[in-house]
Amino acid sequence: SRPDLGGVLLIITIINLGFNAAITTTIYALQQAGHSELLIGSLSAAVGAVMLVGAIVAPMLVPRFRAGVLAISGLSVAALGSAALATVTEPWAIVVVLGASVLLLPALNAGMMGYFMVATPTELLGRANSAAGVLGMGALPLAPLIAGFGLTWIGREATILVCAALCVVAVALALPYAAVLTKAV
């Protein structure tokens, strides 16, 4: 009955699907290009380290910026990073692009899920959290499917651009909710 909460769940689902499919496509493409497992693992570890830095910075950002600002900023950076990922093939450039893309994700997650928790009636938190978990994580198994078929049918760049388009859809869906998120949290 709350379109804003359904919207938050839909946005989180779409951004998770688009961004994770772009990362998966990139990893598969690196493997197909003959890069070593060590290099690919190091790339993933470096991106994970940047996300940890984002998690350390997030508690400083969340009280200073409204959830709507964090949501639009984080979603936009992820969408732009996904699109930029289609243009880079060198591992060091991929780390830079992905690193910049994931830096705001912990603050985005904290802002949107903070709003979700505040806006959900206490007696419905269990059901709402279950729905959020199913939708947020339920799309993740589709990422390798998109990456695999995309690489086979349309190639690396086009597949990543399709993933970036999903991220742009998440930004577009978030725009009407930005004002609501900004006032609430």
C-alpha atoms as a PDB file:
ATOM      1  CA  SER A   1       0.000   0.000   0.000  1.00  0.00           C
ATOM      2  CA  ARG A   2       3.054   2.292   0.154  1.00  0.00           C
ATOM      3  CA  PRO A   3       4.246   3.135  -3.370  1.00  0.00           C
ATOM      4  CA  ASP A   4       7.372   4.821  -1.999  1.00  0.00           C
ATOM      5  CA  LEU A   5       8.521   1.624  -0.267  1.00  0.00           C
ATOM      6  CA  GLY A   6       7.775  -0.471  -3.340  1.00  0.00           C
ATOM      7  CA  GLY A   7       9.694   2.081  -5.386  1.00  0.00           C
ATOM      8  CA  VAL A   8      12.732   1.830  -3.124  1.00  0.00           C
ATOM      9  CA  LEU A   9      12.701  -1.964  -3.460  1.00  0.00           C
ATOM     10  CA  LEU A  10      12.342  -1.765  -7.230  1.00  0.00           C
ATOM     11  CA  ILE A  11      15.202   0.739  -7.517  1.00  0.00           C
ATOM     12  CA  ILE A  12      17.490  -1.408  -5.356  1.00  0.00           C
ATOM     13  CA  THR A  13      16.640  -4.505  -7.390  1.00  0.00           C
ATOM     14  CA  ILE A  14      17.323  -2.835 -10.742  1.00  0.00           C
ATOM     15  CA  ILE A  15      20.588  -1.168  -9.687  1.00  0.00           C
ATOM     16  CA  ASN A  16      21.828  -4.456  -8.169  1.00  0.00           C
ATOM     17  CA  LEU A  17      21.014  -6.310 -11.367  1.00  0.00           C
ATOM     18  CA  GLY A  18      22.515  -3.733 -13.751  1.00  0.00           C
ATOM     19  CA  PHE A  19      25.671  -2.994 -11.798  1.00  0.00           C
ATOM     20  CA  ASN A  20      26.440  -6.620 -10.893  1.00  0.00           C
ATOM     21  CA  ALA A  21      25.812  -7.751 -14.462  1.00  0.00           C
ATOM     22  CA  ALA A  22      28.257  -5.083 -15.695  1.00  0.00           C
ATOM     23  CA  ILE A  23      30.907  -6.284 -13.231  1.00  0.00           C
ATOM     24  CA  THR A  24      30.292  -9.922 -14.116  1.00  0.00           C
ATOM     25  CA  THR A  25      30.517  -9.142 -17.826  1.00  0.00           C
ATOM     26  CA  THR A  26      33.820  -7.356 -17.239  1.00  0.00           C
ATOM     27  CA  ILE A  27      35.248 -10.284 -15.272  1.00  0.00           C
ATOM     28  CA  TYR A  28      34.132 -12.815 -17.878  1.00  0.00           C
ATOM     29  CA  ALA A  29      35.591 -10.651 -20.661  1.00  0.00           C
ATOM     30  CA  LEU A  30      38.932 -10.408 -18.835  1.00  0.00           C
ATOM     31  CA  GLN A  31      38.994 -14.189 -18.504  1.00  0.00           C
ATOM     32  CA  GLN A  32      38.137 -14.619 -22.198  1.00  0.00           C
ATOM     33  CA  ALA A  33      40.924 -12.177 -23.095  1.00  0.00           C
ATOM     34  CA  GLY A  34      43.405 -14.495 -21.368  1.00  0.00           C
ATOM     35  CA  HIS A  35      44.138 -12.515 -18.210  1.00  0.00           C
ATOM     36  CA  SER A  36      45.313 -14.599 -15.276  1.00  0.00           C
ATOM     37  CA  GLU A  37      43.184 -15.599 -12.331  1.00  0.00           C
ATOM     38  CA  LEU A  38      45.595 -13.703 -10.088  1.00  0.00           C
ATOM     39  CA  LEU A  39      45.044 -10.467 -12.012  1.00  0.00           C
ATOM     40  CA  ILE A  40      41.267 -10.872 -12.057  1.00  0.00           C
ATOM     41  CA  GLY A  41      41.212 -11.719  -8.349  1.00  0.00           C
ATOM     42  CA  SER A  42      43.458  -8.748  -7.564  1.00  0.00           C
ATOM     43  CA  LEU A  43      41.174  -6.468  -9.543  1.00  0.00           C
ATOM     44  CA  SER A  44      38.151  -7.710  -7.588  1.00  0.00           C
ATOM     45  CA  ALA A  45      40.033  -7.309  -4.308  1.00  0.00           C
ATOM     46  CA  ALA A  46      41.019  -3.735  -5.166  1.00  0.00           C
ATOM     47  CA  VAL A  47      37.416  -2.835  -5.963  1.00  0.00           C
ATOM     48  CA  GLY A  48      36.332  -4.501  -2.713  1.00  0.00           C
ATOM     49  CA  ALA A  49      38.924  -2.454  -0.807  1.00  0.00           C
ATOM     50  CA  VAL A  50      37.524   0.755  -2.299  1.00  0.00           C
ATOM     51  CA  MET A  51      34.038  -0.323  -1.240  1.00  0.00           C
ATOM     52  CA  LEU A  52      35.362  -0.856   2.289  1.00  0.00           C
ATOM     53  CA  VAL A  53      36.716   2.695   2.226  1.00  0.00           C
ATOM     54  CA  GLY A  54      33.237   3.787   1.125  1.00  0.00           C
ATOM     55  CA  ALA A  55      31.789   1.896   4.091  1.00  0.00           C
ATOM     56  CA  ILE A  56      34.169   3.724   6.425  1.00  0.00           C
ATOM     57  CA  VAL A  57      33.204   7.088   4.904  1.00  0.00           C
ATOM     58  CA  ALA A  58      29.446   6.351   4.765  1.00  0.00           C
ATOM     59  CA  PRO A  59      28.777   7.087   8.468  1.00  0.00           C
ATOM     60  CA  MET A  60      30.225  10.549   7.910  1.00  0.00           C
ATOM     61  CA  LEU A  61      28.117  11.178   4.791  1.00  0.00           C
ATOM     62  CA  VAL A  62      24.739   9.877   5.939  1.00  0.00           C
ATOM     63  CA  PRO A  63      24.183  12.458   8.716  1.00  0.00           C
ATOM     64  CA  ARG A  64      25.409  15.333   6.512  1.00  0.00           C
ATOM     65  CA  PHE A  65      23.397  14.606   3.363  1.00  0.00           C
ATOM     66  CA  ARG A  66      19.756  13.695   2.944  1.00  0.00           C
ATOM     67  CA  ALA A  67      18.861  10.228   1.720  1.00  0.00           C
ATOM     68  CA  GLY A  68      17.522  11.615  -1.574  1.00  0.00           C
ATOM     69  CA  VAL A  69      20.814  13.336  -2.343  1.00  0.00           C
ATOM     70  CA  LEU A  70      22.779  10.191  -1.481  1.00  0.00           C
ATOM     71  CA  ALA A  71      20.410   8.032  -3.526  1.00  0.00           C
ATOM     72  CA  ILE A  72      20.573  10.126  -6.693  1.00  0.00           C
ATOM     73  CA  SER A  73      24.327  10.688  -6.333  1.00  0.00           C
ATOM     74  CA  GLY A  74      25.151   7.037  -5.667  1.00  0.00           C
ATOM     75  CA  LEU A  75      22.851   5.734  -8.388  1.00  0.00           C
ATOM     76  CA  SER A  76      24.144   8.274 -10.903  1.00  0.00           C
ATOM     77  CA  VAL A  77      27.793   7.478 -10.173  1.00  0.00           C
ATOM     78  CA  ALA A  78      27.067   3.742 -10.525  1.00  0.00           C
ATOM     79  CA  ALA A  79      25.243   4.329 -13.827  1.00  0.00           C
ATOM     80  CA  LEU A  80      28.029   6.545 -15.195  1.00  0.00           C
ATOM     81  CA  GLY A  81      30.638   4.055 -14.037  1.00  0.00           C
ATOM     82  CA  SER A  82      28.804   1.217 -15.751  1.00  0.00           C
ATOM     83  CA  ALA A  83      28.694   3.179 -18.997  1.00  0.00           C
ATOM     84  CA  ALA A  84      32.383   4.120 -18.684  1.00  0.00           C
ATOM     85  CA  LEU A  85      33.213   0.468 -18.088  1.00  0.00           C
ATOM     86  CA  ALA A  86      32.232  -0.248 -21.701  1.00  0.00           C
ATOM     87  CA  THR A  87      35.050   2.018 -22.907  1.00  0.00           C
ATOM     88  CA  VAL A  88      37.961   0.606 -20.879  1.00  0.00           C
ATOM     89  CA  THR A  89      39.675  -2.741 -21.301  1.00  0.00           C
ATOM     90  CA  GLU A  90      42.965  -2.349 -19.431  1.00  0.00           C
ATOM     91  CA  PRO A  91      42.833  -3.872 -15.932  1.00  0.00           C
ATOM     92  CA  TRP A  92      44.212  -0.749 -14.214  1.00  0.00           C
ATOM     93  CA  ALA A  93      41.565   1.403 -15.939  1.00  0.00           C
ATOM     94  CA  ILE A  94      38.845  -1.053 -14.950  1.00  0.00           C
ATOM     95  CA  VAL A  95      39.948  -0.785 -11.303  1.00  0.00           C
ATOM     96  CA  VAL A  96      39.813   3.022 -11.482  1.00  0.00           C
ATOM     97  CA  VAL A  97      36.353   3.074 -13.076  1.00  0.00           C
ATOM     98  CA  LEU A  98      34.884   0.424 -10.795  1.00  0.00           C
ATOM     99  CA  GLY A  99      36.555   1.931  -7.744  1.00  0.00           C
ATOM    100  CA  ALA A 100      35.022   5.322  -8.444  1.00  0.00           C
ATOM    101  CA  SER A 101      31.681   3.630  -9.101  1.00  0.00           C
ATOM    102  CA  VAL A 102      31.490   1.731  -5.801  1.00  0.00           C
ATOM    103  CA  LEU A 103      32.751   4.430  -3.450  1.00  0.00           C
ATOM    104  CA  LEU A 104      29.277   5.854  -2.752  1.00  0.00           C
ATOM    105  CA  LEU A 105      27.395   2.531  -2.759  1.00  0.00           C
ATOM    106  CA  PRO A 106      27.578   1.997   1.029  1.00  0.00           C
ATOM    107  CA  ALA A 107      26.195   5.509   1.649  1.00  0.00           C
ATOM    108  CA  LEU A 108      23.512   4.906  -0.984  1.00  0.00           C
ATOM    109  CA  ASN A 109      22.561   1.644   0.698  1.00  0.00           C
ATOM    110  CA  ALA A 110      22.495   3.247   4.158  1.00  0.00           C
ATOM    111  CA  GLY A 111      20.356   6.160   2.976  1.00  0.00           C
ATOM    112  CA  MET A 112      17.810   4.117   1.049  1.00  0.00           C
ATOM    113  CA  MET A 113      17.531   1.309   3.565  1.00  0.00           C
ATOM    114  CA  GLY A 114      17.438   3.855   6.398  1.00  0.00           C
ATOM    115  CA  TYR A 115      14.430   5.460   4.742  1.00  0.00           C
ATOM    116  CA  PHE A 116      12.910   2.025   4.176  1.00  0.00           C
ATOM    117  CA  MET A 117      13.244   1.186   7.883  1.00  0.00           C
ATOM    118  CA  VAL A 118      11.897   4.521   9.108  1.00  0.00           C
ATOM    119  CA  ALA A 119       8.952   4.496   6.705  1.00  0.00           C
ATOM    120  CA  THR A 120       7.932   0.894   7.418  1.00  0.00           C
ATOM    121  CA  PRO A 121       5.477   0.430  10.296  1.00  0.00           C
ATOM    122  CA  THR A 122       7.105  -1.484  13.158  1.00  0.00           C
ATOM    123  CA  GLU A 123       4.672  -4.377  12.958  1.00  0.00           C
ATOM    124  CA  LEU A 124       5.562  -4.917   9.289  1.00  0.00           C
ATOM    125  CA  LEU A 125       9.367  -4.704   9.544  1.00  0.00           C
ATOM    126  CA  GLY A 126       9.894  -8.470   9.401  1.00  0.00           C
ATOM    127  CA  ARG A 127       7.826  -8.888   6.257  1.00  0.00           C
ATOM    128  CA  ALA A 128       9.273  -5.766   4.679  1.00  0.00           C
ATOM    129  CA  ASN A 129      12.865  -6.853   5.384  1.00  0.00           C
ATOM    130  CA  SER A 130      12.140 -10.278   3.910  1.00  0.00           C
ATOM    131  CA  ALA A 131      10.723  -8.680   0.772  1.00  0.00           C
ATOM    132  CA  ALA A 132      13.723  -6.356   0.543  1.00  0.00           C
ATOM    133  CA  GLY A 133      16.117  -9.292   0.878  1.00  0.00           C
ATOM    134  CA  VAL A 134      14.344 -11.403  -1.716  1.00  0.00           C
ATOM    135  CA  LEU A 135      14.136  -8.585  -4.255  1.00  0.00           C
ATOM    136  CA  GLY A 136      17.571  -7.101  -3.574  1.00  0.00           C
ATOM    137  CA  MET A 137      19.388 -10.414  -3.696  1.00  0.00           C
ATOM    138  CA  GLY A 138      16.974 -12.245  -5.963  1.00  0.00           C
ATOM    139  CA  ALA A 139      18.149 -10.419  -9.057  1.00  0.00           C
ATOM    140  CA  LEU A 140      21.814 -11.292  -8.489  1.00  0.00           C
ATOM    141  CA  PRO A 141      21.659 -14.780 -10.058  1.00  0.00           C
ATOM    142  CA  LEU A 142      20.509 -13.113 -13.270  1.00  0.00           C
ATOM    143  CA  ALA A 143      23.778 -11.138 -13.549  1.00  0.00           C
ATOM    144  CA  PRO A 144      25.866 -14.104 -14.800  1.00  0.00           C
ATOM    145  CA  LEU A 145      23.025 -15.040 -17.136  1.00  0.00           C
ATOM    146  CA  ILE A 146      22.986 -11.548 -18.670  1.00  0.00           C
ATOM    147  CA  ALA A 147      26.787 -11.522 -18.864  1.00  0.00           C
ATOM    148  CA  GLY A 148      27.077 -14.937 -20.463  1.00  0.00           C
ATOM    149  CA  PHE A 149      24.356 -14.519 -23.067  1.00  0.00           C
ATOM    150  CA  GLY A 150      25.328 -10.906 -23.663  1.00  0.00           C
ATOM    151  CA  LEU A 151      28.964 -11.729 -24.337  1.00  0.00           C
ATOM    152  CA  THR A 152      27.909 -14.507 -26.696  1.00  0.00           C
ATOM    153  CA  TRP A 153      25.231 -12.616 -28.604  1.00  0.00           C
ATOM    154  CA  ILE A 154      26.237  -8.932 -28.630  1.00  0.00           C
ATOM    155  CA  GLY A 155      29.770  -8.687 -27.233  1.00  0.00           C
ATOM    156  CA  ARG A 156      31.392  -7.010 -24.251  1.00  0.00           C
ATOM    157  CA  GLU A 157      30.703  -3.338 -24.932  1.00  0.00           C
ATOM    158  CA  ALA A 158      27.055  -3.774 -25.917  1.00  0.00           C
ATOM    159  CA  THR A 159      26.377  -6.042 -22.929  1.00  0.00           C
ATOM    160  CA  ILE A 160      27.898  -3.527 -20.535  1.00  0.00           C
ATOM    161  CA  LEU A 161      25.862  -0.755 -22.158  1.00  0.00           C
ATOM    162  CA  VAL A 162      22.686  -2.798 -21.621  1.00  0.00           C
ATOM    163  CA  CYS A 163      23.713  -3.125 -17.966  1.00  0.00           C
ATOM    164  CA  ALA A 164      24.382   0.620 -17.805  1.00  0.00           C
ATOM    165  CA  ALA A 165      20.915   1.218 -19.266  1.00  0.00           C
ATOM    166  CA  LEU A 166      19.443  -0.765 -16.369  1.00  0.00           C
ATOM    167  CA  CYS A 167      21.370   1.483 -13.983  1.00  0.00           C
ATOM    168  CA  VAL A 168      20.015   4.570 -15.776  1.00  0.00           C
ATOM    169  CA  VAL A 169      16.491   3.159 -15.355  1.00  0.00           C
ATOM    170  CA  ALA A 170      17.161   2.929 -11.606  1.00  0.00           C
ATOM    171  CA  VAL A 171      18.241   6.595 -11.573  1.00  0.00           C
ATOM    172  CA  ALA A 172      15.131   7.610 -13.541  1.00  0.00           C
ATOM    173  CA  LEU A 173      12.890   5.675 -11.156  1.00  0.00           C
ATOM    174  CA  ALA A 174      14.617   7.278  -8.158  1.00  0.00           C
ATOM    175  CA  LEU A 175      14.126  10.866  -9.324  1.00  0.00           C
ATOM    176  CA  PRO A 176      10.461  11.123  -8.249  1.00  0.00           C
ATOM    177  CA  TYR A 177      11.333   9.609  -4.874  1.00  0.00           C
ATOM    178  CA  ALA A 178      14.312  11.903  -4.245  1.00  0.00           C
ATOM    179  CA  ALA A 179      12.122  14.627  -2.752  1.00  0.00           C
ATOM    180  CA  VAL A 180      10.348  12.112  -0.508  1.00  0.00           C
ATOM    181  CA  LEU A 181      13.649  10.603   0.610  1.00  0.00           C
ATOM    182  CA  THR A 182      15.141  14.050   1.206  1.00  0.00           C
ATOM    183  CA  LYS A 183      12.294  15.162   3.470  1.00  0.00           C
ATOM    184  CA  ALA A 184      12.006  11.930   5.405  1.00  0.00           C
ATOM    185  CA  VAL A 185      15.540  11.037   6.430  1.00  0.00           C
END
